C-alpha atoms as a PDB file:
ATOM      1  CA  UNK A   1       4.072   1.537  14.444  1.00  0.00           C
ATOM      2  CA  UNK A   2       4.067  -0.140  17.801  1.00  0.00           C
ATOM      3  CA  UNK A   3       7.438  -0.998  19.202  1.00  0.00           C
ATOM      4  CA  UNK A   4       8.308  -4.605  18.652  1.00  0.00           C
ATOM      5  CA  UNK A   5      11.176  -6.747  17.494  1.00  0.00           C
ATOM      6  CA  UNK A   6      12.756  -5.653  14.257  1.00  0.00           C
ATOM      7  CA  UNK A   7      12.016  -8.014  11.406  1.00  0.00           C
ATOM      8  CA  UNK A   8      14.469  -8.640   8.590  1.00  0.00           C
ATOM      9  CA  UNK A   9      14.127 -10.183   5.196  1.00  0.00           C
ATOM     10  CA  UNK A  10      15.847 -10.123   1.846  1.00  0.00           C
ATOM     11  CA  UNK A  11      14.687  -8.952  -1.569  1.00  0.00           C
ATOM     12  CA  UNK A  12      14.645 -11.884  -4.009  1.00  0.00           C
ATOM     13  CA  UNK A  13      13.109 -10.081  -7.013  1.00  0.00           C
ATOM     14  CA  UNK A  14      12.487  -6.517  -8.232  1.00  0.00           C
ATOM     15  CA  UNK A  15       9.790  -6.569 -10.905  1.00  0.00           C
ATOM     16  CA  UNK A  16       8.092  -4.168 -13.315  1.00  0.00           C
ATOM     17  CA  UNK A  17       5.563  -4.207 -16.123  1.00  0.00           C
ATOM     18  CA  UNK A  18       4.405  -1.809 -18.818  1.00  0.00           C
ATOM     19  CA  UNK A  19       0.704  -2.480 -18.226  1.00  0.00           C
ATOM     20  CA  UNK A  20      -1.556  -3.110 -15.225  1.00  0.00           C
ATOM     21  CA  UNK A  21      -3.023  -6.583 -14.793  1.00  0.00           C
ATOM     22  CA  UNK A  22      -0.103  -8.484 -16.265  1.00  0.00           C
ATOM     23  CA  UNK A  23       2.750 -10.494 -14.843  1.00  0.00           C
ATOM     24  CA  UNK A  24       5.812  -8.444 -14.032  1.00  0.00           C
ATOM     25  CA  UNK A  25       9.347  -9.264 -15.129  1.00  0.00           C
ATOM     26  CA  UNK A  26      12.199  -9.522 -12.625  1.00  0.00           C
ATOM     27  CA  UNK A  27      14.633  -6.793 -13.667  1.00  0.00           C
ATOM     28  CA  UNK A  28      16.949  -7.332 -10.694  1.00  0.00           C
ATOM     29  CA  UNK A  29      17.235  -3.699  -9.656  1.00  0.00           C
ATOM     30  CA  UNK A  30      15.324  -0.454  -9.993  1.00  0.00           C
ATOM     31  CA  UNK A  31      14.869   3.009  -8.581  1.00  0.00           C
ATOM     32  CA  UNK A  32      12.073   3.783  -6.143  1.00  0.00           C
ATOM     33  CA  UNK A  33      10.886   7.364  -6.591  1.00  0.00           C
ATOM     34  CA  UNK A  34       9.579   9.312  -3.589  1.00  0.00           C
ATOM     35  CA  UNK A  35       5.752   9.530  -3.518  1.00  0.00           C
ATOM     36  CA  UNK A  36       5.589   7.778  -6.914  1.00  0.00           C
ATOM     37  CA  UNK A  37       6.784   4.158  -6.780  1.00  0.00           C
ATOM     38  CA  UNK A  38       8.985   1.965  -8.923  1.00  0.00           C
ATOM     39  CA  UNK A  39      10.380   3.933 -11.849  1.00  0.00           C
ATOM     40  CA  UNK A  40       8.722   3.053 -15.196  1.00  0.00           C
ATOM     41  CA  UNK A  41       6.208   0.632 -13.642  1.00  0.00           C
ATOM     42  CA  UNK A  42       2.534   0.594 -14.683  1.00  0.00           C
ATOM     43  CA  UNK A  43       1.300   0.802 -11.061  1.00  0.00           C
ATOM     44  CA  UNK A  44       3.448   3.765 -10.005  1.00  0.00           C
ATOM     45  CA  UNK A  45       1.739   7.081  -9.323  1.00  0.00           C
ATOM     46  CA  UNK A  46       0.565   9.478  -6.683  1.00  0.00           C
ATOM     47  CA  UNK A  47      -1.665   7.142  -4.684  1.00  0.00           C
ATOM     48  CA  UNK A  48      -1.453   4.844  -1.647  1.00  0.00           C
ATOM     49  CA  UNK A  49      -0.543   1.662  -3.582  1.00  0.00           C
ATOM     50  CA  UNK A  50       2.670   2.857  -5.224  1.00  0.00           C
ATOM     51  CA  UNK A  51       4.625  -0.372  -4.715  1.00  0.00           C
ATOM     52  CA  UNK A  52       3.392  -3.914  -4.087  1.00  0.00           C
ATOM     53  CA  UNK A  53       5.238  -6.572  -2.121  1.00  0.00           C
ATOM     54  CA  UNK A  54       4.679 -10.305  -1.876  1.00  0.00           C
ATOM     55  CA  UNK A  55       6.627 -12.890   0.113  1.00  0.00           C
ATOM     56  CA  UNK A  56       8.312 -15.791  -1.666  1.00  0.00           C
ATOM     57  CA  UNK A  57       6.716 -17.925   1.036  1.00  0.00           C
ATOM     58  CA  UNK A  58       3.292 -16.946  -0.403  1.00  0.00           C
ATOM     59  CA  UNK A  59       4.417 -17.890  -3.908  1.00  0.00           C
ATOM     60  CA  UNK A  60       5.661 -21.209  -2.509  1.00  0.00           C
ATOM     61  CA  UNK A  61       2.115 -21.917  -1.227  1.00  0.00           C
ATOM     62  CA  UNK A  62       0.859 -21.618  -4.798  1.00  0.00           C
ATOM     63  CA  UNK A  63       3.687 -23.849  -6.042  1.00  0.00           C
ATOM     64  CA  UNK A  64       2.637 -26.443  -3.461  1.00  0.00           C
ATOM     65  CA  UNK A  65      -0.788 -26.440  -5.165  1.00  0.00           C
ATOM     66  CA  UNK A  66       0.939 -27.414  -8.403  1.00  0.00           C
ATOM     67  CA  UNK A  67       1.076 -23.970 -10.029  1.00  0.00           C
ATOM     68  CA  UNK A  68       4.140 -23.053 -12.078  1.00  0.00           C
ATOM     69  CA  UNK A  69       4.626 -19.520 -10.707  1.00  0.00           C
ATOM     70  CA  UNK A  70       7.604 -17.315  -9.976  1.00  0.00           C
ATOM     71  CA  UNK A  71       8.359 -13.872  -8.546  1.00  0.00           C
ATOM     72  CA  UNK A  72       6.521 -11.227 -10.558  1.00  0.00           C
ATOM     73  CA  UNK A  73       3.766 -13.591 -11.692  1.00  0.00           C
ATOM     74  CA  UNK A  74       1.308 -12.036  -9.220  1.00  0.00           C
ATOM     75  CA  UNK A  75       2.171  -8.520 -10.424  1.00  0.00           C
ATOM     76  CA  UNK A  76       4.164  -7.658  -7.324  1.00  0.00           C
ATOM     77  CA  UNK A  77       7.005  -5.160  -7.587  1.00  0.00           C
ATOM     78  CA  UNK A  78       9.165  -6.575  -4.812  1.00  0.00           C
ATOM     79  CA  UNK A  79       9.350 -10.207  -3.744  1.00  0.00           C
ATOM     80  CA  UNK A  80      10.820 -10.817  -0.292  1.00  0.00           C
ATOM     81  CA  UNK A  81      11.964 -13.814   1.727  1.00  0.00           C
ATOM     82  CA  UNK A  82      12.022 -14.084   5.515  1.00  0.00           C
ATOM     83  CA  UNK A  83       9.718 -11.152   6.321  1.00  0.00           C
ATOM     84  CA  UNK A  84       6.150 -11.901   7.409  1.00  0.00           C
ATOM     85  CA  UNK A  85       4.539  -9.205   5.248  1.00  0.00           C
ATOM     86  CA  UNK A  86       0.883 -10.044   5.809  1.00  0.00           C
ATOM     87  CA  UNK A  87       1.203  -9.555   9.581  1.00  0.00           C
ATOM     88  CA  UNK A  88       2.729  -6.073   9.326  1.00  0.00           C
ATOM     89  CA  UNK A  89       0.189  -3.463  10.425  1.00  0.00           C
ATOM     90  CA  UNK A  90      -0.604  -0.470   8.250  1.00  0.00           C
ATOM     91  CA  UNK A  91       1.787   2.334   9.150  1.00  0.00           C
ATOM     92  CA  UNK A  92       4.757  -0.026   9.502  1.00  0.00           C
ATOM     93  CA  UNK A  93       7.870   1.421   7.886  1.00  0.00           C
ATOM     94  CA  UNK A  94      10.244  -0.676   5.823  1.00  0.00           C
ATOM     95  CA  UNK A  95      13.824   0.324   5.141  1.00  0.00           C
ATOM     96  CA  UNK A  96      16.053  -0.904   2.313  1.00  0.00           C
ATOM     97  CA  UNK A  97      19.723   0.020   2.431  1.00  0.00           C
ATOM     98  CA  UNK A  98      20.650   3.494   3.638  1.00  0.00           C
ATOM     99  CA  UNK A  99      18.194   5.392   1.464  1.00  0.00           C
ATOM    100  CA  UNK A 100      14.827   3.757   0.811  1.00  0.00           C
ATOM    101  CA  UNK A 101      11.979   4.155   3.290  1.00  0.00           C
ATOM    102  CA  UNK A 102       8.463   2.872   2.600  1.00  0.00           C
ATOM    103  CA  UNK A 103       5.257   2.883   4.654  1.00  0.00           C
ATOM    104  CA  UNK A 104       2.707   0.054   4.593  1.00  0.00           C
ATOM    105  CA  UNK A 105      -0.609   1.533   3.430  1.00  0.00           C
ATOM    106  CA  UNK A 106      -2.719  -1.552   2.690  1.00  0.00           C
ATOM    107  CA  UNK A 107      -2.721  -5.268   3.436  1.00  0.00           C
ATOM    108  CA  UNK A 108      -4.269  -7.320   0.649  1.00  0.00           C
ATOM    109  CA  UNK A 109      -6.836  -5.986  -1.768  1.00  0.00           C
ATOM    110  CA  UNK A 110     -10.328  -6.682  -2.994  1.00  0.00           C
ATOM    111  CA  UNK A 111     -10.573  -8.121  -6.471  1.00  0.00           C
ATOM    112  CA  UNK A 112     -13.933  -7.292  -7.976  1.00  0.00           C
ATOM    113  CA  UNK A 113     -13.416  -9.641 -10.902  1.00  0.00           C
ATOM    114  CA  UNK A 114     -10.899 -12.247 -11.938  1.00  0.00           C
ATOM    115  CA  UNK A 115      -7.805 -10.508 -13.243  1.00  0.00           C
ATOM    116  CA  UNK A 116      -5.442 -11.672 -15.958  1.00  0.00           C
ATOM    117  CA  UNK A 117      -3.095 -12.951 -13.256  1.00  0.00           C
ATOM    118  CA  UNK A 118      -5.814 -15.279 -11.952  1.00  0.00           C
ATOM    119  CA  UNK A 119      -6.425 -16.732 -15.405  1.00  0.00           C
ATOM    120  CA  UNK A 120      -2.715 -17.033 -16.193  1.00  0.00           C
ATOM    121  CA  UNK A 121      -1.688 -18.557 -12.858  1.00  0.00           C
ATOM    122  CA  UNK A 122      -4.899 -20.342 -11.858  1.00  0.00           C
ATOM    123  CA  UNK A 123      -5.139 -18.446  -8.565  1.00  0.00           C
ATOM    124  CA  UNK A 124      -4.023 -15.111  -7.183  1.00  0.00           C
ATOM    125  CA  UNK A 125      -2.440 -14.828  -3.766  1.00  0.00           C
ATOM    126  CA  UNK A 126      -2.065 -11.021  -3.895  1.00  0.00           C
ATOM    127  CA  UNK A 127      -5.563 -10.251  -2.557  1.00  0.00           C
ATOM    128  CA  UNK A 128      -4.852 -12.341   0.527  1.00  0.00           C
ATOM    129  CA  UNK A 129      -1.157 -11.904   1.221  1.00  0.00           C
ATOM    130  CA  UNK A 130       0.224  -9.006  -0.803  1.00  0.00           C
ATOM    131  CA  UNK A 131       0.899  -5.635   0.786  1.00  0.00           C
ATOM    132  CA  UNK A 132       1.109  -2.136  -0.616  1.00  0.00           C
ATOM    133  CA  UNK A 133       3.383   0.731   0.367  1.00  0.00           C
ATOM    134  CA  UNK A 134       4.055   4.341  -0.478  1.00  0.00           C
ATOM    135  CA  UNK A 135       7.612   5.542  -0.952  1.00  0.00           C
ATOM    136  CA  UNK A 136       8.593   8.057   1.747  1.00  0.00           C
ATOM    137  CA  UNK A 137      12.218   8.257   0.667  1.00  0.00           C
ATOM    138  CA  UNK A 138      13.416   6.969  -2.697  1.00  0.00           C
ATOM    139  CA  UNK A 139      16.573   5.278  -3.854  1.00  0.00           C
ATOM    140  CA  UNK A 140      17.856   2.117  -5.510  1.00  0.00           C
ATOM    141  CA  UNK A 141      16.677  -1.390  -4.618  1.00  0.00           C
ATOM    142  CA  UNK A 142      18.106  -4.654  -5.890  1.00  0.00           C
ATOM    143  CA  UNK A 143      18.001  -8.392  -5.424  1.00  0.00           C
ATOM    144  CA  UNK A 144      19.969  -9.312  -2.299  1.00  0.00           C
ATOM    145  CA  UNK A 145      19.180  -6.091  -0.413  1.00  0.00           C
ATOM    146  CA  UNK A 146      18.123  -6.500   3.201  1.00  0.00           C
ATOM    147  CA  UNK A 147      14.655  -5.137   4.023  1.00  0.00           C
ATOM    148  CA  UNK A 148      13.847  -4.356   7.659  1.00  0.00           C
ATOM    149  CA  UNK A 149      10.957  -3.040   9.687  1.00  0.00           C
ATOM    150  CA  UNK A 150      11.686   0.160  11.581  1.00  0.00           C
ATOM    151  CA  UNK A 151       9.759   1.952  14.277  1.00  0.00           C
ATOM    152  CA  UNK A 152       8.595   5.512  13.715  1.00  0.00           C
ATOM    153  CA  UNK A 153      11.268   6.629  16.197  1.00  0.00           C
ATOM    154  CA  UNK A 154      13.983   5.148  13.949  1.00  0.00           C
ATOM    155  CA  UNK A 155      12.809   6.890  10.763  1.00  0.00           C
END
């Protein structure tokens, strides 16, 4: 990651689901497992999109359009506030607490067909503003935790 000002945000929801393509439920706290993702989540696994993040600010854009949506409704694992996720370049590292370290692997995604989230919520902001990370170092995450960007030198 290029050196730049550290960005900080806060985790406002930690969400999981049993199946892909469905809204996730805010469980408040969970364990991130190294090179796997959020423990017991349908999207976890050994691939580059282990954990998904979406900013509350993105959800608020959908609310402004009249949609009744909340954290987890776009199938994101972690909902943040105060961190401009969509502008983080791939390779950016995110730190939560003393233990968790994640690396941004993808910004947005291509949806080949309308998913269940689209039909349930009326729109899906994840393809435009969601990000995906892999877990470099696992540990607990919970609502209220501070999430910060770190340079590769700080890892």
